[in-house]
């Protein structure tokens, strides 16, 4: 059996705590809003993080990777 997949992930405005927010839509028809806390990084730094969430609709675990870059100060 082939597992479920994400149709799309799109960024949303930050939440009231300043966390990054994303809308993830599973091909089972369930939308999940992810709130991700990203700690400040030194200027010019690049950071990668992996995470997962479980869809409430089909209980599939979806993995994702975030790459964050901070702007170098001039």
N, C-alpha and C. Protein backbone atom coordinates (compact mmCIF):
# COMPACT_ATOMS: atom_id res chain seq x y z
N UNK A 1 0.85 -1.18 0.00
CA UNK A 1 0.00 0.00 0.00
C UNK A 1 0.89 1.24 0.00
N UNK A 2 0.55 2.19 -0.82
CA UNK A 2 1.28 3.45 -0.88
C UNK A 2 0.75 4.38 0.20
N UNK A 3 1.67 5.04 0.92
CA UNK A 3 1.29 5.93 2.00
C UNK A 3 0.67 7.22 1.49
N UNK A 4 0.09 7.96 2.39
CA UNK A 4 -0.50 9.24 2.07
C UNK A 4 0.62 10.25 1.86
N UNK A 5 0.29 11.38 1.26
CA UNK A 5 1.29 12.41 1.01
C UNK A 5 0.70 13.80 1.21
N UNK A 6 1.59 14.78 1.23
CA UNK A 6 1.15 16.16 1.35
C UNK A 6 0.88 16.74 -0.03
N UNK A 7 -0.26 17.37 -0.18
CA UNK A 7 -0.59 18.06 -1.43
C UNK A 7 0.19 19.38 -1.51
N UNK A 8 0.25 20.09 -0.38
CA UNK A 8 1.02 21.34 -0.35
C UNK A 8 1.32 21.73 1.10
N UNK A 9 2.32 22.58 1.24
CA UNK A 9 2.63 23.27 2.49
C UNK A 9 2.86 24.72 2.11
N UNK A 10 2.14 25.64 2.76
CA UNK A 10 2.34 27.05 2.42
C UNK A 10 2.54 27.86 3.70
N UNK A 11 3.37 28.90 3.61
CA UNK A 11 3.61 29.73 4.79
C UNK A 11 2.41 30.60 5.11
N UNK A 12 2.22 30.86 6.39
CA UNK A 12 1.19 31.75 6.89
C UNK A 12 1.87 32.87 7.69
N UNK A 13 1.16 33.92 8.03
CA UNK A 13 1.75 34.95 8.89
C UNK A 13 2.12 34.34 10.25
N UNK A 14 3.13 34.90 10.91
CA UNK A 14 3.51 34.40 12.24
C UNK A 14 2.33 34.48 13.22
N UNK A 15 2.35 33.58 14.21
CA UNK A 15 1.29 33.62 15.22
C UNK A 15 1.56 34.72 16.24
N UNK A 16 0.69 34.84 17.24
CA UNK A 16 0.79 35.94 18.21
C UNK A 16 2.07 35.86 19.06
N UNK A 17 2.71 34.70 19.12
CA UNK A 17 3.96 34.53 19.86
C UNK A 17 5.19 34.71 18.96
N UNK A 18 4.97 35.02 17.68
CA UNK A 18 6.08 35.22 16.75
C UNK A 18 6.61 33.93 16.13
N UNK A 19 5.91 32.81 16.34
CA UNK A 19 6.34 31.54 15.76
C UNK A 19 5.99 31.49 14.28
N UNK A 20 6.83 30.81 13.50
CA UNK A 20 6.54 30.60 12.09
C UNK A 20 5.33 29.66 11.97
N UNK A 21 4.45 29.94 11.04
CA UNK A 21 3.26 29.11 10.85
C UNK A 21 3.17 28.65 9.40
N UNK A 22 2.72 27.42 9.23
CA UNK A 22 2.56 26.83 7.91
C UNK A 22 1.25 26.06 7.87
N UNK A 23 0.60 26.08 6.71
CA UNK A 23 -0.58 25.26 6.48
C UNK A 23 -0.15 24.05 5.66
N UNK A 24 -0.41 22.86 6.18
CA UNK A 24 -0.08 21.62 5.48
C UNK A 24 -1.38 20.90 5.13
N UNK A 25 -1.52 20.51 3.86
CA UNK A 25 -2.74 19.84 3.40
C UNK A 25 -2.40 18.45 2.93
N UNK A 26 -2.91 17.44 3.65
CA UNK A 26 -2.68 16.03 3.33
C UNK A 26 -3.64 15.60 2.22
N UNK A 27 -3.23 14.62 1.42
CA UNK A 27 -4.12 14.17 0.34
C UNK A 27 -5.34 13.40 0.84
N UNK A 28 -5.43 13.19 2.17
CA UNK A 28 -6.66 12.61 2.74
C UNK A 28 -7.74 13.68 2.92
N UNK A 29 -7.36 14.96 2.73
CA UNK A 29 -8.31 16.06 2.85
C UNK A 29 -8.22 16.82 4.16
N UNK A 30 -7.25 16.53 5.00
CA UNK A 30 -7.10 17.18 6.30
C UNK A 30 -6.08 18.31 6.22
N UNK A 31 -6.43 19.47 6.76
CA UNK A 31 -5.53 20.61 6.85
C UNK A 31 -4.99 20.69 8.27
N UNK A 32 -3.68 20.87 8.39
CA UNK A 32 -3.03 21.02 9.69
C UNK A 32 -2.26 22.34 9.69
N UNK A 33 -2.40 23.11 10.76
CA UNK A 33 -1.63 24.34 10.92
C UNK A 33 -0.48 24.04 11.88
N UNK A 34 0.74 24.22 11.37
CA UNK A 34 1.94 23.97 12.16
C UNK A 34 2.46 25.30 12.72
N UNK A 35 2.79 25.32 14.01
CA UNK A 35 3.40 26.47 14.67
C UNK A 35 4.79 26.04 15.08
N UNK A 36 5.80 26.69 14.52
CA UNK A 36 7.18 26.25 14.73
C UNK A 36 8.00 27.40 15.32
N UNK A 37 8.57 27.15 16.49
CA UNK A 37 9.42 28.15 17.13
C UNK A 37 10.82 28.05 16.53
N UNK A 38 11.30 29.17 16.00
CA UNK A 38 12.64 29.23 15.42
C UNK A 38 13.45 30.20 16.26
N UNK A 39 14.49 29.70 16.90
CA UNK A 39 15.34 30.54 17.75
C UNK A 39 16.19 31.46 16.89
N UNK A 40 16.50 32.65 17.42
CA UNK A 40 17.36 33.58 16.67
C UNK A 40 18.72 32.96 16.35
N UNK A 41 19.27 33.33 15.20
CA UNK A 41 20.58 32.84 14.77
C UNK A 41 21.51 34.02 14.57
N UNK A 42 22.82 33.79 14.66
CA UNK A 42 23.76 34.88 14.37
C UNK A 42 23.63 35.34 12.92
N UNK A 43 23.96 36.59 12.66
CA UNK A 43 23.88 37.15 11.31
C UNK A 43 24.69 36.31 10.33
N UNK A 44 24.09 36.00 9.19
CA UNK A 44 24.76 35.24 8.15
C UNK A 44 24.72 33.73 8.34
N UNK A 45 24.09 33.26 9.41
CA UNK A 45 24.05 31.82 9.68
C UNK A 45 22.95 31.14 8.86
N UNK A 46 23.15 29.85 8.60
CA UNK A 46 22.16 29.01 7.93
C UNK A 46 21.90 27.83 8.85
N UNK A 47 20.64 27.50 9.08
CA UNK A 47 20.30 26.37 9.94
C UNK A 47 19.31 25.45 9.28
N UNK A 48 19.45 24.16 9.51
CA UNK A 48 18.52 23.15 9.00
C UNK A 48 17.92 22.40 10.18
N UNK A 49 16.65 22.08 10.08
CA UNK A 49 15.99 21.28 11.10
C UNK A 49 14.98 20.37 10.41
N UNK A 50 14.83 19.17 10.95
CA UNK A 50 13.82 18.24 10.45
C UNK A 50 12.80 18.01 11.55
N UNK A 51 11.59 17.76 11.14
CA UNK A 51 10.53 17.48 12.10
C UNK A 51 9.47 16.62 11.44
N UNK A 52 8.48 16.26 12.20
CA UNK A 52 7.37 15.46 11.68
C UNK A 52 6.11 15.82 12.44
N UNK A 53 4.98 15.59 11.80
CA UNK A 53 3.69 15.69 12.48
C UNK A 53 2.82 14.55 11.99
N UNK A 54 1.84 14.20 12.80
CA UNK A 54 0.91 13.13 12.44
C UNK A 54 -0.42 13.76 12.03
N UNK A 55 -0.88 13.40 10.85
CA UNK A 55 -2.14 13.90 10.34
C UNK A 55 -3.28 13.38 11.21
N UNK A 56 -4.17 14.27 11.64
CA UNK A 56 -5.33 13.86 12.45
C UNK A 56 -6.34 13.07 11.64
N UNK A 57 -6.33 13.26 10.31
CA UNK A 57 -7.32 12.58 9.47
C UNK A 57 -6.99 11.13 9.18
N UNK A 58 -5.72 10.86 8.79
CA UNK A 58 -5.36 9.51 8.36
C UNK A 58 -4.25 8.89 9.21
N UNK A 59 -3.76 9.61 10.18
CA UNK A 59 -2.68 9.20 11.11
C UNK A 59 -1.35 8.89 10.42
N UNK A 60 -1.15 9.45 9.23
CA UNK A 60 0.13 9.31 8.55
C UNK A 60 1.12 10.31 9.14
N UNK A 61 2.35 9.88 9.35
CA UNK A 61 3.41 10.80 9.78
C UNK A 61 4.02 11.45 8.55
N UNK A 62 4.06 12.76 8.55
CA UNK A 62 4.65 13.52 7.45
C UNK A 62 5.92 14.19 7.97
N UNK A 63 7.03 13.96 7.30
CA UNK A 63 8.31 14.57 7.66
C UNK A 63 8.53 15.82 6.83
N UNK A 64 9.22 16.79 7.42
CA UNK A 64 9.54 18.01 6.70
C UNK A 64 10.91 18.51 7.13
N UNK A 65 11.49 19.35 6.30
CA UNK A 65 12.78 19.99 6.60
C UNK A 65 12.61 21.49 6.43
N UNK A 66 13.16 22.23 7.37
CA UNK A 66 13.15 23.69 7.31
C UNK A 66 14.60 24.16 7.19
N UNK A 67 14.84 25.05 6.25
CA UNK A 67 16.14 25.70 6.13
C UNK A 67 15.93 27.17 6.39
N UNK A 68 16.62 27.69 7.39
CA UNK A 68 16.48 29.09 7.76
C UNK A 68 17.80 29.81 7.54
N UNK A 69 17.71 31.02 7.03
CA UNK A 69 18.90 31.86 6.83
C UNK A 69 18.65 33.19 7.53
N UNK A 70 19.67 33.67 8.22
CA UNK A 70 19.57 35.01 8.78
C UNK A 70 20.33 35.96 7.85
N UNK A 71 19.85 37.16 7.78
CA UNK A 71 20.49 38.14 6.90
C UNK A 71 21.76 38.68 7.54
N UNK A 72 22.77 38.83 6.74
CA UNK A 72 24.01 39.43 7.23
C UNK A 72 23.78 40.91 7.40
N UNK A 73 24.28 41.43 8.50
CA UNK A 73 24.13 42.88 8.74
C UNK A 73 25.23 43.62 7.99
N UNK A 74 24.83 44.71 7.35
CA UNK A 74 25.82 45.48 6.59
C UNK A 74 26.09 46.81 7.26
